């Protein structure tokens, strides 16, 4: 039985992640382009990043975050779904940071 494309992709991704190189070889570029077509980043955009967990990261639009944490550097694979705003009793009620 031939190995699945997913298994090959995972193996290559793990090797690239272990190498720590964010450069995508031209022969693998179509795999990473297809990966970002399948990823939903919420209010952000997907970027192929072979050295990152899951081989991609979500770049959030201004005013959006992944989590409520201050340091999200290790969580760049999460979608941008939390508005980065503060609550105020003065008008306007919400202020986007």
C-alpha atoms as a PDB file:
ATOM      1  CA  UNK A   1       0.000   0.000   0.000  1.00  0.00           C
ATOM      2  CA  UNK A   2       1.426   3.377  -1.006  1.00  0.00           C
ATOM      3  CA  UNK A   3       1.910   6.014   1.723  1.00  0.00           C
ATOM      4  CA  UNK A   4      -0.685   8.759   1.764  1.00  0.00           C
ATOM      5  CA  UNK A   5       0.212  12.274   0.661  1.00  0.00           C
ATOM      6  CA  UNK A   6      -0.685  13.468   4.143  1.00  0.00           C
ATOM      7  CA  UNK A   7       1.843  11.109   5.721  1.00  0.00           C
ATOM      8  CA  UNK A   8       4.557  12.277   3.332  1.00  0.00           C
ATOM      9  CA  UNK A   9       3.652  15.915   4.031  1.00  0.00           C
ATOM     10  CA  UNK A  10       3.818  15.362   7.800  1.00  0.00           C
ATOM     11  CA  UNK A  11       7.195  13.638   7.513  1.00  0.00           C
ATOM     12  CA  UNK A  12       8.629  16.471   5.402  1.00  0.00           C
ATOM     13  CA  UNK A  13       7.147  19.075   7.756  1.00  0.00           C
ATOM     14  CA  UNK A  14       8.740  17.409  10.767  1.00  0.00           C
ATOM     15  CA  UNK A  15      12.121  17.273   9.058  1.00  0.00           C
ATOM     16  CA  UNK A  16      11.911  20.951   8.119  1.00  0.00           C
ATOM     17  CA  UNK A  17      10.752  21.910  11.616  1.00  0.00           C
ATOM     18  CA  UNK A  18      13.680  20.030  13.140  1.00  0.00           C
ATOM     19  CA  UNK A  19      15.998  21.864  10.789  1.00  0.00           C
ATOM     20  CA  UNK A  20      14.552  25.192  11.982  1.00  0.00           C
ATOM     21  CA  UNK A  21      14.630  26.685   8.491  1.00  0.00           C
ATOM     22  CA  UNK A  22      11.696  28.868   7.424  1.00  0.00           C
ATOM     23  CA  UNK A  23      12.713  28.763   3.764  1.00  0.00           C
ATOM     24  CA  UNK A  24      10.380  26.668   1.607  1.00  0.00           C
ATOM     25  CA  UNK A  25      12.225  24.729  -1.108  1.00  0.00           C
ATOM     26  CA  UNK A  26      10.684  25.373  -4.555  1.00  0.00           C
ATOM     27  CA  UNK A  27       9.790  21.696  -4.933  1.00  0.00           C
ATOM     28  CA  UNK A  28       7.653  21.856  -1.749  1.00  0.00           C
ATOM     29  CA  UNK A  29       6.057  25.259  -2.372  1.00  0.00           C
ATOM     30  CA  UNK A  30       2.837  23.787  -3.869  1.00  0.00           C
ATOM     31  CA  UNK A  31       2.256  21.712  -0.713  1.00  0.00           C
ATOM     32  CA  UNK A  32       2.568  24.763   1.533  1.00  0.00           C
ATOM     33  CA  UNK A  33       0.410  26.886  -0.788  1.00  0.00           C
ATOM     34  CA  UNK A  34      -2.303  24.226  -0.632  1.00  0.00           C
ATOM     35  CA  UNK A  35      -1.962  24.081   3.157  1.00  0.00           C
ATOM     36  CA  UNK A  36      -2.905  27.756   3.492  1.00  0.00           C
ATOM     37  CA  UNK A  37      -5.929  27.211   1.242  1.00  0.00           C
ATOM     38  CA  UNK A  38      -7.285  24.827   3.890  1.00  0.00           C
ATOM     39  CA  UNK A  39      -6.473  26.941   6.980  1.00  0.00           C
ATOM     40  CA  UNK A  40      -9.039  29.373   8.401  1.00  0.00           C
ATOM     41  CA  UNK A  41      -7.309  32.205  10.259  1.00  0.00           C
ATOM     42  CA  UNK A  42     -10.439  34.167  11.214  1.00  0.00           C
ATOM     43  CA  UNK A  43      -9.564  37.868  10.992  1.00  0.00           C
ATOM     44  CA  UNK A  44      -6.074  37.111   9.746  1.00  0.00           C
ATOM     45  CA  UNK A  45      -4.162  35.600   6.857  1.00  0.00           C
ATOM     46  CA  UNK A  46      -2.286  32.320   6.593  1.00  0.00           C
ATOM     47  CA  UNK A  47       1.445  32.245   5.890  1.00  0.00           C
ATOM     48  CA  UNK A  48       3.476  29.111   5.185  1.00  0.00           C
ATOM     49  CA  UNK A  49       6.107  28.753   7.893  1.00  0.00           C
ATOM     50  CA  UNK A  50       7.851  25.343   7.785  1.00  0.00           C
ATOM     51  CA  UNK A  51       9.726  25.968  11.060  1.00  0.00           C
ATOM     52  CA  UNK A  52       6.492  26.694  12.961  1.00  0.00           C
ATOM     53  CA  UNK A  53       4.119  24.179  14.539  1.00  0.00           C
ATOM     54  CA  UNK A  54       1.787  22.769  11.856  1.00  0.00           C
ATOM     55  CA  UNK A  55       3.999  24.487   9.201  1.00  0.00           C
ATOM     56  CA  UNK A  56       1.922  27.687   9.042  1.00  0.00           C
ATOM     57  CA  UNK A  57       1.087  30.758  11.092  1.00  0.00           C
ATOM     58  CA  UNK A  58      -1.821  33.187  11.146  1.00  0.00           C
ATOM     59  CA  UNK A  59      -1.014  36.897  10.837  1.00  0.00           C
ATOM     60  CA  UNK A  60      -3.765  38.871  12.594  1.00  0.00           C
ATOM     61  CA  UNK A  61      -5.351  42.005  11.182  1.00  0.00           C
ATOM     62  CA  UNK A  62      -5.056  45.156  13.290  1.00  0.00           C
ATOM     63  CA  UNK A  63      -7.443  45.014  16.241  1.00  0.00           C
ATOM     64  CA  UNK A  64      -7.558  41.189  16.457  1.00  0.00           C
ATOM     65  CA  UNK A  65      -5.738  38.616  18.619  1.00  0.00           C
ATOM     66  CA  UNK A  66      -5.458  34.844  18.926  1.00  0.00           C
ATOM     67  CA  UNK A  67      -5.811  34.612  22.712  1.00  0.00           C
ATOM     68  CA  UNK A  68      -6.211  36.862  25.719  1.00  0.00           C
ATOM     69  CA  UNK A  69      -2.550  36.288  26.589  1.00  0.00           C
ATOM     70  CA  UNK A  70       0.005  39.065  26.195  1.00  0.00           C
ATOM     71  CA  UNK A  71       2.613  36.733  24.670  1.00  0.00           C
ATOM     72  CA  UNK A  72       1.250  34.796  21.675  1.00  0.00           C
ATOM     73  CA  UNK A  73       4.589  33.989  20.007  1.00  0.00           C
ATOM     74  CA  UNK A  74       4.220  30.230  20.551  1.00  0.00           C
ATOM     75  CA  UNK A  75       0.570  30.204  19.464  1.00  0.00           C
ATOM     76  CA  UNK A  76       0.821  31.631  15.950  1.00  0.00           C
ATOM     77  CA  UNK A  77      -1.117  28.662  14.506  1.00  0.00           C
ATOM     78  CA  UNK A  78      -4.334  29.729  16.279  1.00  0.00           C
ATOM     79  CA  UNK A  79      -6.953  31.744  14.362  1.00  0.00           C
ATOM     80  CA  UNK A  80      -7.412  35.473  15.027  1.00  0.00           C
ATOM     81  CA  UNK A  81     -10.878  35.474  16.606  1.00  0.00           C
ATOM     82  CA  UNK A  82     -10.644  37.688  19.706  1.00  0.00           C
ATOM     83  CA  UNK A  83     -11.124  41.443  19.282  1.00  0.00           C
ATOM     84  CA  UNK A  84      -8.306  43.408  20.901  1.00  0.00           C
ATOM     85  CA  UNK A  85     -10.468  45.983  22.648  1.00  0.00           C
ATOM     86  CA  UNK A  86     -11.105  47.419  26.092  1.00  0.00           C
ATOM     87  CA  UNK A  87     -14.382  48.189  27.835  1.00  0.00           C
ATOM     88  CA  UNK A  88     -15.065  51.733  29.003  1.00  0.00           C
ATOM     89  CA  UNK A  89     -18.005  53.286  30.808  1.00  0.00           C
ATOM     90  CA  UNK A  90     -17.506  56.436  28.752  1.00  0.00           C
ATOM     91  CA  UNK A  91     -18.746  56.858  25.189  1.00  0.00           C
ATOM     92  CA  UNK A  92     -17.782  55.243  22.917  1.00  0.00           C
ATOM     93  CA  UNK A  93     -18.235  51.978  24.821  1.00  0.00           C
ATOM     94  CA  UNK A  94     -15.460  50.077  23.072  1.00  0.00           C
ATOM     95  CA  UNK A  95     -12.010  51.173  22.028  1.00  0.00           C
ATOM     96  CA  UNK A  96      -9.970  49.084  19.603  1.00  0.00           C
ATOM     97  CA  UNK A  97      -6.265  48.969  20.444  1.00  0.00           C
END
